[in-house]
Structures are given as structure tokens and as C-alpha cells.
Amino acid sequence: AIRPSMVYGHGEGGFVRFFLGGAKRGGAARVIGDGHWRWSTVHVEDIADLYARVLERSEPGQVFLAASDETLSFQQMVEAASRAAGAGGKIAPWPPEDARPALGALVDLMTANTVVSGAKARRTLGWNPTGPKLLDDLDHGSYQLRPALVQSAAERKSVAVPGEIFTFLARSKDTGGAYALLHVTLGGKVGPPPHFHDAVEESFYVLAGDVTFTTGDHSVTVSPGGYVNIPRGTVHRFANAADQPAQIITLVVPGGMDDYFEEAGVPVASPDAAMPTDKELLKKLVELGPKYGVEFVQPTP
């Protein structure tokens, strides 16, 4: 069994999001009590590593505490959350008796020392937390507010594989990995073979042409203005039903597929460029699939 300290990372974490939300709504993050209570923390990737080590190496019945060597006062965390939320580090006192109607028993947790040690996991399992520290993550990492993304047509990059041209409207690196948005030009009478993504959900909006989407034994042809959502893990394919190119907007959540297409494809000048015909590019697309969580369920001809 694993008993985690306060988990954070990748812009998530219940308590951290609570601190950030308070600062965004009220212009200052709230400190319950005098704020001197100290908490242990652990990055989500470090706790994932610990779970793997417990499954692989631990004897049944063992209990491990998941905590890095970082301990912070409640006030330190709240001040950093205030900075990350754009409130300039401002904090506001919140007496426990005033907080209790809103938070209930959580007030008792937030006004108590919760310092624990992960020494047992380090000693017996070789666990070594390496994730960013919470204060660093709040001040410089995944909790930082991203600026609005503004992009001109001239700034967009297009890459191609046989039958498809991908134009990047929003890159994963610009969205903190949350999503990628692509314009896809789909050649006449072509489309990728059946495949699935275990960790990615896709949505398609057809701009031009008729595109046939297939999941299992069900196929539907979607005309301009039509929308299709493919849940993660669903085997699917799509193909242009006409001889003329089709145009699709594709949203992938979370991001990463844009990096896949960039690595597998070749640069082209625009969404209207001539598509490559080199079958080696298709082979490369299939071979790179596992690296990006894409599995094809039948070989590409």
C-alpha cells in the first residue's frame, strides 16, 4: 500500500488547484490560520514510479509513505500559488471558524502538520524522487499561466505523409501538452488504416468534402459542418469518399500527435502542396506509432 503526501504536478492536484482558484477569484490566496503548518509533497511522476516499484519489488502487506525531501509551510504554498495565479503573491487570512462552513473537516487537515518521510521506499525499493519541487513548479513550471496564443497563417508549419498534409494550428508545446489542433488535407480516396490511441481522444470537424469514419462494423459519411468524436482506445479509420481533397479540423487531447506527424512526415509549403508518394514514409509512420501511443491493427500496404 502507498500513502501519499500532497500530490502535485502537470498543472493539477486538488489542493494546489484549490489555492490557485482562490487567488484567481479573489485576487489573493487564502491562508487558513497562521499558515505555519508544514506539509510533505510528492510529484505525480514520482508517485507513479513508486507504484511501479511496489508492484514489481514489494512484499505483500508493506506500507510505503510517498514523500519527497521537500516540506513546505502552508503559507509558502499559498504565496507561490498566488504568484502563479497572477495575484502577485498576495494572501488573505481566513480564520478556521470562518473556513469550516465551506470546507468542513478539511480545515482540520489544513491546520495540521503532515510531514512524513519516504525513507523506507528509498531504502527498500531504490525510489529516488526526481520531479520538480512544488515551489519551482508553481513559480516556473506547469502551473504558470500561458499567454494567449495568436498565430498568423505565415507562421504555421505543414508536414505531409502519403495521402495527408497536417498543418499545425496549435502545437502541444504551446498548450502545455493539453491539446493539439490541426488542419488536415486528406487526399482523394485515401485515409489511414485502422488504428487506436490508448491515451488520446480525437475530434474531427469536416470543412470540405465527404469523409467516411468507421468504428467496428459501423461507418458514417460526414459532410461539411459535420462533427465526429473518437473516444480513446477506440479502433477507427477515416477515408476521403471522393476524388477531390477533403479538409478536416482535428483536435487531439492531450497533445503529442503533432510531434508524431512532424517526426514521421516531410515539410511542405502549404496545405495545398503536392503530397509525397514515397511508401517509406508510410512505413515510418507505422514504425513510430508505438512511441506516440498509436497502434495500427493491420499492416499498411
C-alpha atoms as a PDB file:
ATOM      1  CA  ALA A   1       0.000   0.000   0.000  1.00  0.00           C
ATOM      2  CA  ILE A   2       1.089   3.567  -0.651  1.00  0.00           C
ATOM      3  CA  ARG A   3       0.102   6.547   1.453  1.00  0.00           C
ATOM      4  CA  PRO A   4       0.869   9.726  -0.483  1.00  0.00           C
ATOM      5  CA  SER A   5       1.676  13.140   0.864  1.00  0.00           C
ATOM      6  CA  MET A   6       0.288  16.131  -1.088  1.00  0.00           C
ATOM      7  CA  VAL A   7       0.385  15.223  -4.779  1.00  0.00           C
ATOM      8  CA  TYR A   8       1.025  17.867  -7.432  1.00  0.00           C
ATOM      9  CA  GLY A   9       2.337  18.260 -10.970  1.00  0.00           C
ATOM     10  CA  HIS A  10       1.310  18.822 -14.594  1.00  0.00           C
ATOM     11  CA  GLY A  11      -0.840  21.753 -13.524  1.00  0.00           C
ATOM     12  CA  GLU A  12      -3.084  19.517 -11.415  1.00  0.00           C
ATOM     13  CA  GLY A  13      -3.508  18.444  -7.797  1.00  0.00           C
ATOM     14  CA  GLY A  14      -6.592  19.038  -5.685  1.00  0.00           C
ATOM     15  CA  PHE A  15      -5.108  21.275  -3.013  1.00  0.00           C
ATOM     16  CA  VAL A  16      -2.909  23.218  -5.417  1.00  0.00           C
ATOM     17  CA  ARG A  17      -5.841  23.872  -7.744  1.00  0.00           C
ATOM     18  CA  PHE A  18      -7.844  24.996  -4.717  1.00  0.00           C
ATOM     19  CA  PHE A  19      -5.151  27.527  -3.787  1.00  0.00           C
ATOM     20  CA  LEU A  20      -4.906  28.757  -7.375  1.00  0.00           C
ATOM     21  CA  GLY A  21      -8.663  29.060  -7.751  1.00  0.00           C
ATOM     22  CA  GLY A  22      -8.982  31.158  -4.618  1.00  0.00           C
ATOM     23  CA  ALA A  23      -6.303  33.548  -5.821  1.00  0.00           C
ATOM     24  CA  LYS A  24      -7.894  33.907  -9.263  1.00  0.00           C
ATOM     25  CA  ARG A  25     -11.368  34.537  -7.878  1.00  0.00           C
ATOM     26  CA  GLY A  26     -10.499  36.861  -5.025  1.00  0.00           C
ATOM     27  CA  GLY A  27      -7.237  38.492  -6.086  1.00  0.00           C
ATOM     28  CA  ALA A  28      -5.429  36.877  -3.152  1.00  0.00           C
ATOM     29  CA  ALA A  29      -4.896  33.314  -1.966  1.00  0.00           C
ATOM     30  CA  ARG A  30      -6.400  32.446   1.402  1.00  0.00           C
ATOM     31  CA  VAL A  31      -4.293  31.231   4.328  1.00  0.00           C
ATOM     32  CA  ILE A  32      -6.200  29.264   6.934  1.00  0.00           C
ATOM     33  CA  GLY A  33      -4.997  30.013  10.432  1.00  0.00           C
ATOM     34  CA  ASP A  34      -1.478  31.347  10.889  1.00  0.00           C
ATOM     35  CA  GLY A  35      -0.076  29.297   7.980  1.00  0.00           C
ATOM     36  CA  HIS A  36       2.892  27.795   9.796  1.00  0.00           C
ATOM     37  CA  TRP A  37       1.700  24.175   9.378  1.00  0.00           C
ATOM     38  CA  ARG A  38       4.161  22.134   7.335  1.00  0.00           C
ATOM     39  CA  TRP A  39       3.300  19.598   4.647  1.00  0.00           C
ATOM     40  CA  SER A  40       5.260  16.991   2.735  1.00  0.00           C
ATOM     41  CA  THR A  41       4.806  16.851  -1.035  1.00  0.00           C
ATOM     42  CA  VAL A  42       5.344  14.443  -3.931  1.00  0.00           C
ATOM     43  CA  HIS A  43       5.295  14.985  -7.690  1.00  0.00           C
ATOM     44  CA  VAL A  44       2.787  12.866  -9.612  1.00  0.00           C
ATOM     45  CA  GLU A  45       5.505  11.282 -11.779  1.00  0.00           C
ATOM     46  CA  ASP A  46       7.462  10.275  -8.692  1.00  0.00           C
ATOM     47  CA  ILE A  47       4.447   8.619  -7.115  1.00  0.00           C
ATOM     48  CA  ALA A  48       3.769   6.803 -10.392  1.00  0.00           C
ATOM     49  CA  ASP A  49       7.328   5.483 -10.279  1.00  0.00           C
ATOM     50  CA  LEU A  50       6.793   4.354  -6.693  1.00  0.00           C
ATOM     51  CA  TYR A  51       3.616   2.453  -7.625  1.00  0.00           C
ATOM     52  CA  ALA A  52       5.559   0.608 -10.323  1.00  0.00           C
ATOM     53  CA  ARG A  53       8.328  -0.269  -7.881  1.00  0.00           C
ATOM     54  CA  VAL A  54       5.842  -1.521  -5.272  1.00  0.00           C
ATOM     55  CA  LEU A  55       4.152  -3.770  -7.839  1.00  0.00           C
ATOM     56  CA  GLU A  56       7.457  -5.149  -9.067  1.00  0.00           C
ATOM     57  CA  ARG A  57       9.515  -5.464  -5.880  1.00  0.00           C
ATOM     58  CA  SER A  58       7.499  -5.144  -2.683  1.00  0.00           C
ATOM     59  CA  GLU A  59       6.416  -7.949  -0.401  1.00  0.00           C
ATOM     60  CA  PRO A  60       2.662  -8.202   0.322  1.00  0.00           C
ATOM     61  CA  GLY A  61       1.455  -6.158   3.281  1.00  0.00           C
ATOM     62  CA  GLN A  62       4.112  -3.484   3.098  1.00  0.00           C
ATOM     63  CA  VAL A  63       3.124   0.160   3.535  1.00  0.00           C
ATOM     64  CA  PHE A  64       5.131   2.983   1.963  1.00  0.00           C
ATOM     65  CA  LEU A  65       4.865   6.719   2.503  1.00  0.00           C
ATOM     66  CA  ALA A  66       5.250   8.747  -0.694  1.00  0.00           C
ATOM     67  CA  ALA A  67       7.056  11.990   0.084  1.00  0.00           C
ATOM     68  CA  SER A  68       9.960  13.852  -1.443  1.00  0.00           C
ATOM     69  CA  ASP A  69      12.503  15.688   0.688  1.00  0.00           C
ATOM     70  CA  GLU A  70      10.602  18.979   0.234  1.00  0.00           C
ATOM     71  CA  THR A  71       8.495  20.174   3.172  1.00  0.00           C
ATOM     72  CA  LEU A  72       6.693  23.495   2.970  1.00  0.00           C
ATOM     73  CA  SER A  73       4.613  25.637   5.229  1.00  0.00           C
ATOM     74  CA  PHE A  74       1.007  26.214   4.259  1.00  0.00           C
ATOM     75  CA  GLN A  75       1.820  29.901   3.786  1.00  0.00           C
ATOM     76  CA  GLN A  76       4.744  29.168   1.434  1.00  0.00           C
ATOM     77  CA  MET A  77       2.492  27.084  -0.793  1.00  0.00           C
ATOM     78  CA  VAL A  78      -0.321  29.620  -0.804  1.00  0.00           C
ATOM     79  CA  GLU A  79       2.015  32.534  -1.587  1.00  0.00           C
ATOM     80  CA  ALA A  80       3.518  30.593  -4.517  1.00  0.00           C
ATOM     81  CA  ALA A  81       0.024  29.709  -5.759  1.00  0.00           C
ATOM     82  CA  SER A  82      -0.884  33.383  -5.593  1.00  0.00           C
ATOM     83  CA  ARG A  83       2.117  34.244  -7.751  1.00  0.00           C
ATOM     84  CA  ALA A  84       1.247  31.516 -10.260  1.00  0.00           C
ATOM     85  CA  ALA A  85      -2.345  32.745 -10.451  1.00  0.00           C
ATOM     86  CA  GLY A  86      -1.215  36.262 -11.306  1.00  0.00           C
ATOM     87  CA  ALA A  87      -2.141  37.711  -7.918  1.00  0.00           C
ATOM     88  CA  GLY A  88       1.400  38.846  -7.139  1.00  0.00           C
ATOM     89  CA  GLY A  89       1.866  36.667  -4.075  1.00  0.00           C
ATOM     90  CA  LYS A  90      -0.972  38.367  -2.197  1.00  0.00           C
ATOM     91  CA  ILE A  91      -2.544  36.344   0.584  1.00  0.00           C
ATOM     92  CA  ALA A  92      -5.545  36.899   2.809  1.00  0.00           C
ATOM     93  CA  PRO A  93      -6.188  35.421   6.260  1.00  0.00           C
ATOM     94  CA  TRP A  94      -9.081  33.011   6.611  1.00  0.00           C
ATOM     95  CA  PRO A  95      -9.883  32.188  10.243  1.00  0.00           C
ATOM     96  CA  PRO A  96     -10.566  28.466  10.707  1.00  0.00           C
ATOM     97  CA  GLU A  97     -14.005  29.145  12.161  1.00  0.00           C
ATOM     98  CA  ASP A  98     -14.930  31.086   9.018  1.00  0.00           C
ATOM     99  CA  ALA A  99     -13.488  28.443   6.697  1.00  0.00           C
ATOM    100  CA  ARG A 100     -15.238  25.484   8.341  1.00  0.00           C
ATOM    101  CA  PRO A 101     -18.740  26.101   6.858  1.00  0.00           C
ATOM    102  CA  ALA A 102     -17.204  25.965   3.375  1.00  0.00           C
ATOM    103  CA  LEU A 103     -14.576  23.269   3.890  1.00  0.00           C
ATOM    104  CA  GLY A 104     -15.819  21.153   6.763  1.00  0.00           C
ATOM    105  CA  ALA A 105     -13.294  18.625   8.084  1.00  0.00           C
ATOM    106  CA  LEU A 106     -10.699  19.765   5.535  1.00  0.00           C
ATOM    107  CA  VAL A 107      -9.988  22.667   7.873  1.00  0.00           C
ATOM    108  CA  ASP A 108      -8.544  20.199  10.384  1.00  0.00           C
ATOM    109  CA  LEU A 109      -6.206  18.806   7.723  1.00  0.00           C
ATOM    110  CA  MET A 110      -5.156  22.237   6.513  1.00  0.00           C
ATOM    111  CA  THR A 111      -4.272  23.366  10.021  1.00  0.00           C
ATOM    112  CA  ALA A 112      -2.164  20.342  10.965  1.00  0.00           C
ATOM    113  CA  ASN A 113       1.416  19.305  10.350  1.00  0.00           C
ATOM    114  CA  THR A 114       1.509  16.462   7.793  1.00  0.00           C
ATOM    115  CA  VAL A 115       5.236  15.892   7.450  1.00  0.00           C
ATOM    116  CA  VAL A 116       6.098  12.289   6.592  1.00  0.00           C
ATOM    117  CA  SER A 117       9.208  10.514   5.318  1.00  0.00           C
ATOM    118  CA  GLY A 118       9.696   8.437   2.183  1.00  0.00           C
ATOM    119  CA  ALA A 119      12.898   6.927   3.577  1.00  0.00           C
ATOM    120  CA  LYS A 120      11.512   3.377   3.640  1.00  0.00           C
ATOM    121  CA  ALA A 121      10.705   3.482  -0.085  1.00  0.00           C
ATOM    122  CA  ARG A 122      14.139   4.881  -0.824  1.00  0.00           C
ATOM    123  CA  ARG A 123      15.879   2.271   1.297  1.00  0.00           C
ATOM    124  CA  THR A 124      13.981  -0.853   0.259  1.00  0.00           C
ATOM    125  CA  LEU A 125      12.862  -0.061  -3.295  1.00  0.00           C
ATOM    126  CA  GLY A 126      15.578   2.307  -4.521  1.00  0.00           C
ATOM    127  CA  TRP A 127      12.979   5.024  -5.041  1.00  0.00           C
ATOM    128  CA  ASN A 128      14.511   8.410  -5.819  1.00  0.00           C
ATOM    129  CA  PRO A 129      12.087  11.301  -6.392  1.00  0.00           C
ATOM    130  CA  THR A 130      13.343  13.464  -9.243  1.00  0.00           C
ATOM    131  CA  GLY A 131      10.289  15.531 -10.200  1.00  0.00           C
ATOM    132  CA  PRO A 132      10.353  19.324  -9.939  1.00  0.00           C
ATOM    133  CA  LYS A 133       9.814  20.735  -6.469  1.00  0.00           C
ATOM    134  CA  LEU A 134       6.405  22.228  -5.823  1.00  0.00           C
ATOM    135  CA  LEU A 135       7.649  25.798  -5.400  1.00  0.00           C
ATOM    136  CA  ASP A 136       9.656  25.555  -8.631  1.00  0.00           C
ATOM    137  CA  ASP A 137       6.664  24.068 -10.445  1.00  0.00           C
ATOM    138  CA  LEU A 138       4.420  26.892  -9.220  1.00  0.00           C
ATOM    139  CA  ASP A 139       6.910  29.644  -9.982  1.00  0.00           C
ATOM    140  CA  HIS A 140       8.400  28.376 -13.241  1.00  0.00           C
ATOM    141  CA  GLY A 141       6.672  25.182 -14.356  1.00  0.00           C
ATOM    142  CA  SER A 142       3.357  23.556 -15.125  1.00  0.00           C
ATOM    143  CA  TYR A 143       1.214  25.948 -13.068  1.00  0.00           C
ATOM    144  CA  GLN A 144       2.320  29.073 -14.872  1.00  0.00           C
ATOM    145  CA  LEU A 145      -0.348  30.926 -16.829  1.00  0.00           C
ATOM    146  CA  ARG A 146       0.220  30.587 -20.547  1.00  0.00           C
ATOM    147  CA  PRO A 147      -0.112  33.685 -22.710  1.00  0.00           C
ATOM    148  CA  ALA A 148      -2.893  33.807 -25.275  1.00  0.00           C
ATOM    149  CA  LEU A 149      -1.844  32.012 -28.448  1.00  0.00           C
ATOM    150  CA  VAL A 150      -2.012  34.211 -31.541  1.00  0.00           C
ATOM    151  CA  GLN A 151      -0.693  32.855 -34.815  1.00  0.00           C
ATOM    152  CA  SER A 152      -0.738  34.123 -38.377  1.00  0.00           C
ATOM    153  CA  ALA A 153      -1.078  31.873 -41.399  1.00  0.00           C
ATOM    154  CA  ALA A 154       2.530  32.603 -42.328  1.00  0.00           C
ATOM    155  CA  GLU A 155       3.754  31.171 -39.018  1.00  0.00           C
ATOM    156  CA  ARG A 156       2.097  27.778 -39.435  1.00  0.00           C
ATOM    157  CA  LYS A 157       4.069  24.680 -40.316  1.00  0.00           C
ATOM    158  CA  SER A 158       2.797  21.922 -42.600  1.00  0.00           C
ATOM    159  CA  VAL A 159       4.123  18.384 -42.905  1.00  0.00           C
ATOM    160  CA  ALA A 160       2.977  15.560 -45.143  1.00  0.00           C
ATOM    161  CA  VAL A 161       2.823  11.792 -45.463  1.00  0.00           C
ATOM    162  CA  PRO A 162       1.349   9.998 -48.480  1.00  0.00           C
ATOM    163  CA  GLY A 163      -2.323  10.961 -48.636  1.00  0.00           C
ATOM    164  CA  GLU A 164      -2.329  13.557 -45.841  1.00  0.00           C
ATOM    165  CA  ILE A 165      -0.988  17.037 -45.107  1.00  0.00           C
ATOM    166  CA  PHE A 166      -1.033  18.222 -41.496  1.00  0.00           C
ATOM    167  CA  THR A 167      -0.936  21.945 -40.744  1.00  0.00           C
ATOM    168  CA  PHE A 168      -0.340  22.799 -37.101  1.00  0.00           C
ATOM    169  CA  LEU A 169      -2.794  25.370 -35.781  1.00  0.00           C
ATOM    170  CA  ALA A 170      -1.894  24.885 -32.112  1.00  0.00           C
ATOM    171  CA  ARG A 171       1.163  22.881 -31.082  1.00  0.00           C
ATOM    172  CA  SER A 172       1.290  20.773 -27.944  1.00  0.00           C
ATOM    173  CA  LYS A 173       4.312  22.760 -26.788  1.00  0.00           C
ATOM    174  CA  ASP A 174       2.186  25.932 -26.900  1.00  0.00           C
ATOM    175  CA  THR A 175      -0.701  24.448 -24.896  1.00  0.00           C
ATOM    176  CA  GLY A 176       1.313  22.887 -22.100  1.00  0.00           C
ATOM    177  CA  GLY A 177       0.561  19.481 -23.613  1.00  0.00           C
ATOM    178  CA  ALA A 178      -3.183  19.910 -23.062  1.00  0.00           C
ATOM    179  CA  TYR A 179      -4.129  19.521 -26.718  1.00  0.00           C
ATOM    180  CA  ALA A 180      -3.051  19.952 -30.323  1.00  0.00           C
ATOM    181  CA  LEU A 181      -5.192  21.433 -33.095  1.00  0.00           C
ATOM    182  CA  LEU A 182      -4.505  20.520 -36.714  1.00  0.00           C
ATOM    183  CA  HIS A 183      -5.838  21.228 -40.176  1.00  0.00           C
ATOM    184  CA  VAL A 184      -5.742  18.038 -42.243  1.00  0.00           C
ATOM    185  CA  THR A 185      -5.856  17.885 -46.027  1.00  0.00           C
ATOM    186  CA  LEU A 186      -6.945  14.368 -46.957  1.00  0.00           C
ATOM    187  CA  GLY A 187      -6.164  13.231 -50.496  1.00  0.00           C
ATOM    188  CA  GLY A 188      -8.775  11.727 -52.764  1.00  0.00           C
ATOM    189  CA  LYS A 189      -9.883   8.167 -51.996  1.00  0.00           C
ATOM    190  CA  VAL A 190      -7.318   7.749 -49.190  1.00  0.00           C
ATOM    191  CA  GLY A 191      -7.140   7.590 -45.409  1.00  0.00           C
ATOM    192  CA  PRO A 192      -5.126   5.927 -42.637  1.00  0.00           C
ATOM    193  CA  PRO A 193      -5.609   2.213 -41.855  1.00  0.00           C
ATOM    194  CA  PRO A 194      -7.498   1.111 -38.710  1.00  0.00           C
ATOM    195  CA  HIS A 195      -5.707   2.216 -35.542  1.00  0.00           C
ATOM    196  CA  PHE A 196      -6.298   3.351 -31.980  1.00  0.00           C
ATOM    197  CA  HIS A 197      -4.785   5.611 -29.326  1.00  0.00           C
ATOM    198  CA  ASP A 198      -4.946   4.407 -25.719  1.00  0.00           C
ATOM    199  CA  ALA A 199      -4.225   7.847 -24.270  1.00  0.00           C
ATOM    200  CA  VAL A 200      -5.642  10.260 -26.863  1.00  0.00           C
ATOM    201  CA  GLU A 201      -9.179  11.355 -27.710  1.00  0.00           C
ATOM    202  CA  GLU A 202      -9.773  12.780 -31.180  1.00  0.00           C
ATOM    203  CA  SER A 203     -12.446  15.086 -32.558  1.00  0.00           C
ATOM    204  CA  PHE A 204     -12.960  15.860 -36.239  1.00  0.00           C
ATOM    205  CA  TYR A 205     -14.830  18.739 -37.891  1.00  0.00           C
ATOM    206  CA  VAL A 206     -15.250  18.395 -41.646  1.00  0.00           C
ATOM    207  CA  LEU A 207     -14.648  21.632 -43.525  1.00  0.00           C
ATOM    208  CA  ALA A 208     -14.845  20.395 -47.120  1.00  0.00           C
ATOM    209  CA  GLY A 209     -15.546  17.117 -48.877  1.00  0.00           C
ATOM    210  CA  ASP A 210     -17.204  13.943 -47.631  1.00  0.00           C
ATOM    211  CA  VAL A 211     -15.243  11.840 -45.147  1.00  0.00           C
ATOM    212  CA  THR A 212     -16.236   8.319 -44.109  1.00  0.00           C
ATOM    213  CA  PHE A 213     -15.468   7.390 -40.489  1.00  0.00           C
ATOM    214  CA  THR A 214     -15.507   3.739 -39.415  1.00  0.00           C
ATOM    215  CA  THR A 215     -15.528   2.226 -35.908  1.00  0.00           C
ATOM    216  CA  GLY A 216     -16.028  -1.511 -35.714  1.00  0.00           C
ATOM    217  CA  ASP A 217     -18.767  -2.515 -38.186  1.00  0.00           C
ATOM    218  CA  HIS A 218     -20.298   0.970 -38.264  1.00  0.00           C
ATOM    219  CA  SER A 219     -19.475   3.535 -40.958  1.00  0.00           C
ATOM    220  CA  VAL A 220     -20.861   7.006 -41.491  1.00  0.00           C
ATOM    221  CA  THR A 221     -20.068   9.553 -44.187  1.00  0.00           C
ATOM    222  CA  VAL A 222     -19.797  13.086 -42.817  1.00  0.00           C
ATOM    223  CA  SER A 223     -20.321  16.173 -44.976  1.00  0.00           C
ATOM    224  CA  PRO A 224     -19.085  19.759 -44.364  1.00  0.00           C
ATOM    225  CA  GLY A 225     -20.222  21.026 -40.963  1.00  0.00           C
ATOM    226  CA  GLY A 226     -20.350  17.510 -39.510  1.00  0.00           C
ATOM    227  CA  TYR A 227     -18.528  16.538 -36.312  1.00  0.00           C
ATOM    228  CA  VAL A 228     -17.159  13.204 -35.077  1.00  0.00           C
ATOM    229  CA  ASN A 229     -15.638  12.299 -31.713  1.00  0.00           C
ATOM    230  CA  ILE A 230     -13.486   9.176 -31.294  1.00  0.00           C
ATOM    231  CA  PRO A 231     -13.012   8.150 -27.628  1.00  0.00           C
ATOM    232  CA  ARG A 232      -9.580   6.962 -26.561  1.00  0.00           C
ATOM    233  CA  GLY A 233      -8.945   3.265 -27.141  1.00  0.00           C
ATOM    234  CA  THR A 234     -11.469   3.012 -29.997  1.00  0.00           C
ATOM    235  CA  VAL A 235     -10.268   1.301 -33.169  1.00  0.00           C
ATOM    236  CA  HIS A 236     -11.168   3.602 -36.046  1.00  0.00           C
ATOM    237  CA  ARG A 237     -10.283   4.758 -39.511  1.00  0.00           C
ATOM    238  CA  PHE A 238     -11.407   7.513 -41.849  1.00  0.00           C
ATOM    239  CA  ALA A 239     -11.171   8.000 -45.586  1.00  0.00           C
ATOM    240  CA  ASN A 240     -11.988  10.577 -48.213  1.00  0.00           C
ATOM    241  CA  ALA A 241     -15.008   9.323 -50.115  1.00  0.00           C
ATOM    242  CA  ALA A 242     -14.320  11.480 -53.206  1.00  0.00           C
ATOM    243  CA  ASP A 243     -11.570  12.088 -55.726  1.00  0.00           C
ATOM    244  CA  GLN A 244     -11.002  15.699 -54.631  1.00  0.00           C
ATOM    245  CA  PRO A 245      -9.097  16.514 -51.407  1.00  0.00           C
ATOM    246  CA  ALA A 246     -11.119  16.874 -48.211  1.00  0.00           C
ATOM    247  CA  GLN A 247     -10.390  19.353 -45.419  1.00  0.00           C
ATOM    248  CA  ILE A 248     -10.709  18.480 -41.710  1.00  0.00           C
ATOM    249  CA  ILE A 249     -10.007  20.233 -38.410  1.00  0.00           C
ATOM    250  CA  THR A 250      -8.690  17.708 -35.886  1.00  0.00           C
ATOM    251  CA  LEU A 251      -8.442  18.230 -32.115  1.00  0.00           C
ATOM    252  CA  VAL A 252      -6.351  15.721 -30.139  1.00  0.00           C
ATOM    253  CA  VAL A 253      -6.500  15.647 -26.331  1.00  0.00           C
ATOM    254  CA  PRO A 254      -3.988  15.543 -24.740  1.00  0.00           C
ATOM    255  CA  GLY A 255      -1.384  16.820 -27.154  1.00  0.00           C
ATOM    256  CA  GLY A 256       1.532  14.966 -28.689  1.00  0.00           C
ATOM    257  CA  MET A 257       0.187  13.767 -32.025  1.00  0.00           C
ATOM    258  CA  ASP A 258       1.557  16.872 -33.728  1.00  0.00           C
ATOM    259  CA  ASP A 259       5.051  15.769 -32.688  1.00  0.00           C
ATOM    260  CA  TYR A 260       4.315  12.342 -34.160  1.00  0.00           C
ATOM    261  CA  PHE A 261       3.314  13.745 -37.537  1.00  0.00           C
ATOM    262  CA  GLU A 262       6.266  16.122 -37.548  1.00  0.00           C
ATOM    263  CA  GLU A 263       8.731  13.298 -36.942  1.00  0.00           C
ATOM    264  CA  ALA A 264       7.111  10.942 -39.445  1.00  0.00           C
ATOM    265  CA  GLY A 265       6.363  13.413 -42.239  1.00  0.00           C
ATOM    266  CA  VAL A 266       8.246  15.759 -44.518  1.00  0.00           C
ATOM    267  CA  PRO A 267       7.871  19.561 -44.555  1.00  0.00           C
ATOM    268  CA  VAL A 268       5.688  21.057 -47.289  1.00  0.00           C
ATOM    269  CA  ALA A 269       4.981  24.674 -48.174  1.00  0.00           C
ATOM    270  CA  SER A 270       1.230  24.748 -47.504  1.00  0.00           C
ATOM    271  CA  PRO A 271      -1.936  22.669 -47.013  1.00  0.00           C
ATOM    272  CA  ASP A 272      -2.360  22.760 -50.791  1.00  0.00           C
ATOM    273  CA  ALA A 273       1.078  21.378 -51.632  1.00  0.00           C
ATOM    274  CA  ALA A 274       1.615  18.208 -53.634  1.00  0.00           C
ATOM    275  CA  MET A 275       1.513  15.138 -51.403  1.00  0.00           C
ATOM    276  CA  PRO A 276       4.508  12.807 -51.234  1.00  0.00           C
ATOM    277  CA  THR A 277       4.203   9.317 -52.710  1.00  0.00           C
ATOM    278  CA  ASP A 278       7.166   7.632 -51.018  1.00  0.00           C
ATOM    279  CA  LYS A 279       5.844   4.455 -49.349  1.00  0.00           C
ATOM    280  CA  GLU A 280       8.816   4.564 -46.968  1.00  0.00           C
ATOM    281  CA  LEU A 281       7.066   7.490 -45.227  1.00  0.00           C
ATOM    282  CA  LEU A 282       4.066   5.266 -44.524  1.00  0.00           C
ATOM    283  CA  LYS A 283       6.382   2.618 -43.122  1.00  0.00           C
ATOM    284  CA  LYS A 284       7.984   5.254 -40.901  1.00  0.00           C
ATOM    285  CA  LEU A 285       4.542   6.416 -39.722  1.00  0.00           C
ATOM    286  CA  VAL A 286       3.680   2.882 -38.608  1.00  0.00           C
ATOM    287  CA  GLU A 287       7.073   2.226 -37.012  1.00  0.00           C
ATOM    288  CA  LEU A 288       6.916   5.445 -34.982  1.00  0.00           C
ATOM    289  CA  GLY A 289       3.369   4.744 -33.799  1.00  0.00           C
ATOM    290  CA  PRO A 290       4.199   2.960 -30.512  1.00  0.00           C
ATOM    291  CA  LYS A 291       6.459   5.847 -29.481  1.00  0.00           C
ATOM    292  CA  TYR A 292       3.404   8.128 -29.546  1.00  0.00           C
ATOM    293  CA  GLY A 293       0.799   5.644 -28.313  1.00  0.00           C
ATOM    294  CA  VAL A 294      -0.593   4.810 -31.776  1.00  0.00           C
ATOM    295  CA  GLU A 295      -1.231   1.169 -32.678  1.00  0.00           C
ATOM    296  CA  PHE A 296      -2.225   0.062 -36.163  1.00  0.00           C
ATOM    297  CA  VAL A 297      -4.336  -3.092 -36.189  1.00  0.00           C
ATOM    298  CA  GLN A 298      -3.448  -4.205 -39.701  1.00  0.00           C
ATOM    299  CA  PRO A 299      -0.315  -3.649 -41.778  1.00  0.00           C
ATOM    300  CA  THR A 300      -0.144  -0.755 -44.165  1.00  0.00           C
ATOM    301  CA  PRO A 301       0.024  -1.976 -47.780  1.00  0.00           C
END
